[in-house]
Protein backbone atom coordinates (compact mmCIF):
# COMPACT_ATOMS: atom_id res chain seq x y z
CA MET A 1 -74.46 158.28 -179.28
CA LYS A 2 -73.12 154.76 -178.79
CA LYS A 3 -74.20 153.45 -182.21
CA GLY A 4 -75.69 155.21 -185.16
CA TYR A 5 -77.97 153.72 -187.77
CA ARG A 6 -75.12 153.16 -190.22
CA GLU A 7 -73.23 151.00 -187.76
CA LEU A 8 -76.39 149.04 -187.02
CA LEU A 9 -76.96 148.53 -190.76
CA ASP A 10 -73.36 147.44 -191.31
CA GLU A 11 -73.67 144.93 -188.47
CA ALA A 12 -76.94 143.56 -189.86
CA ASN A 13 -75.61 143.25 -193.41
CA ALA A 14 -72.53 141.43 -192.10
CA VAL A 15 -74.62 138.60 -190.63
CA VAL A 16 -77.71 138.45 -192.87
CA GLU A 17 -77.68 137.22 -196.46
CA VAL A 18 -78.34 140.13 -198.80
CA VAL A 19 -79.84 139.30 -202.20
CA SER A 20 -80.39 141.43 -205.27
CA PRO A 21 -83.95 141.93 -206.47
CA GLU A 22 -83.20 139.61 -209.40
CA GLU A 23 -81.91 136.87 -207.07
CA ALA A 24 -84.96 137.28 -204.84
CA ALA A 25 -87.26 137.08 -207.88
CA THR A 26 -86.04 133.52 -208.55
CA LEU A 27 -87.61 132.58 -205.19
CA LEU A 28 -90.97 134.22 -205.82
CA ASP A 29 -92.70 131.01 -206.93
CA ASP A 30 -90.89 128.80 -204.42
CA PRO A 31 -93.53 127.35 -202.07
CA ASP A 32 -90.88 127.08 -199.34
CA THR A 33 -90.08 130.80 -199.34
CA VAL A 34 -92.13 133.55 -197.71
CA PHE A 35 -91.65 137.18 -198.76
CA VAL A 36 -92.28 139.57 -195.86
CA ASP A 37 -93.14 143.21 -196.59
CA LEU A 38 -92.16 145.40 -193.64
CA ARG A 39 -93.42 148.69 -195.02
CA ASP A 40 -96.06 150.83 -193.42
CA PRO A 41 -99.57 150.03 -194.71
CA ARG A 42 -99.74 153.45 -196.41
CA GLU A 43 -96.56 152.66 -198.36
CA VAL A 44 -98.06 149.40 -199.57
CA GLN A 45 -101.30 151.13 -200.61
CA ARG A 46 -99.44 153.89 -202.43
CA GLU A 47 -96.60 151.95 -204.07
CA GLY A 48 -98.04 148.47 -204.60
CA ARG A 49 -96.69 145.14 -203.46
CA ILE A 50 -94.78 142.05 -204.46
CA PRO A 51 -97.34 139.38 -205.38
CA GLY A 52 -97.92 136.88 -202.60
CA ALA A 53 -95.89 138.75 -199.98
CA GLN A 54 -97.06 138.67 -196.38
CA HIS A 55 -97.40 142.10 -194.85
CA CYS A 56 -95.88 142.60 -191.40
CA PRO A 57 -95.47 146.19 -190.21
CA ARG A 58 -91.95 146.55 -188.82
CA GLY A 59 -93.24 147.51 -185.38
CA MET A 60 -95.02 144.14 -185.02
CA LEU A 61 -92.21 141.85 -186.22
CA GLU A 62 -90.96 140.53 -182.89
CA PHE A 63 -94.52 139.94 -181.65
CA TRP A 64 -95.57 138.14 -184.84
CA ILE A 65 -92.48 135.88 -184.87
CA ASP A 66 -92.60 134.73 -181.24
CA PRO A 67 -94.96 131.76 -180.84
CA GLU A 68 -95.43 132.74 -177.17
CA SER A 69 -96.86 136.12 -178.17
CA PRO A 70 -100.62 136.61 -178.39
CA TYR A 71 -99.94 138.32 -181.74
CA HIS A 72 -98.02 135.39 -183.28
CA LYS A 73 -98.65 134.74 -186.99
CA ALA A 74 -98.50 131.11 -188.12
CA PHE A 75 -96.56 131.83 -191.31
CA PHE A 76 -93.54 132.62 -189.13
CA SER A 77 -93.69 129.07 -187.70
CA SER A 78 -93.94 127.43 -191.11
CA GLY A 79 -90.34 126.19 -191.28
CA LYS A 80 -89.93 128.03 -194.57
CA SER A 81 -87.21 130.46 -195.59
CA PHE A 82 -87.88 134.20 -195.45
CA VAL A 83 -87.07 137.13 -197.71
CA PHE A 84 -87.61 140.47 -195.97
CA PHE A 85 -87.99 143.77 -197.76
CA CYS A 86 -88.96 147.37 -197.08
CA ALA A 87 -88.81 150.43 -199.31
CA GLY A 88 -85.03 150.80 -199.51
CA GLY A 89 -83.37 147.93 -197.63
CA TRP A 90 -82.65 149.59 -194.29
CA ARG A 91 -85.59 148.41 -192.19
CA SER A 92 -85.37 144.98 -193.78
CA ALA A 93 -81.67 144.64 -192.87
CA LEU A 94 -82.42 145.39 -189.22
CA ALA A 95 -85.56 143.25 -189.23
CA ALA A 96 -83.81 140.28 -190.83
CA LYS A 97 -81.05 140.47 -188.23
CA THR A 98 -83.65 140.54 -185.43
CA ALA A 99 -85.55 137.62 -186.99
CA GLN A 100 -82.34 135.65 -187.26
CA GLU A 101 -81.48 136.40 -183.61
CA MET A 102 -84.94 135.12 -182.66
CA GLY A 103 -84.18 131.80 -184.38
CA LEU A 104 -85.85 132.27 -187.73
CA GLU A 105 -83.78 130.83 -190.55
CA PRO A 106 -82.89 130.95 -193.28
CA VAL A 107 -83.43 134.68 -193.55
CA ARG A 108 -82.43 137.11 -196.32
CA HIS A 109 -83.27 140.64 -197.28
CA ILE A 110 -83.50 142.45 -200.60
CA LEU A 111 -80.80 144.98 -201.41
CA GLY A 112 -82.54 148.25 -202.23
CA GLY A 113 -85.93 146.92 -201.12
CA PHE A 114 -89.19 147.34 -203.00
CA THR A 115 -87.87 150.40 -204.82
CA ALA A 116 -85.03 148.39 -206.40
CA TRP A 117 -87.45 145.52 -207.12
CA ARG A 118 -89.87 147.83 -208.93
CA ASP A 119 -87.07 149.68 -210.75
CA ALA A 120 -85.77 146.32 -212.03
CA GLY A 121 -89.16 145.74 -213.68
CA LEU A 122 -89.99 142.75 -211.50
CA PRO A 123 -93.62 141.73 -210.81
CA THR A 124 -95.75 144.02 -208.68
CA GLU A 125 -99.43 144.42 -208.06
CA PRO A 126 -101.38 147.44 -206.91
CA GLY A 127 -101.75 148.09 -203.20
CA GLU A 128 -105.23 147.81 -201.78
CA LYS A 129 -106.87 151.20 -201.52
CA LYS A 130 -108.86 151.88 -198.37
CA GLY A 131 -112.45 152.92 -198.86
């Protein structure tokens, strides 16, 4: 194997700003910051969500960021700053690095992800349950 996941994570965390859940929480009401939830829809339904976060499944990230893609989402062209998170901070580290490489900035990700956010007692809301 040329590179394992740990090396990829170390590389991502070396170039992307990593913020604690408490630091990220200070940005929650900032109209110029978009929180991006990279978790699988089932994780969001089961665990809940950060209020106001945009959901973007990790597998769609590159397609949603690129304005040339037929799947582009306008919030990625907003000129705002972005705070990525997943369940534990691994997917968000890799996703934030990819977003940064695609020209999105400023970009950060939450250390420990949604789990650390929830464990810190920060605001959450229930995930939407499917029928």
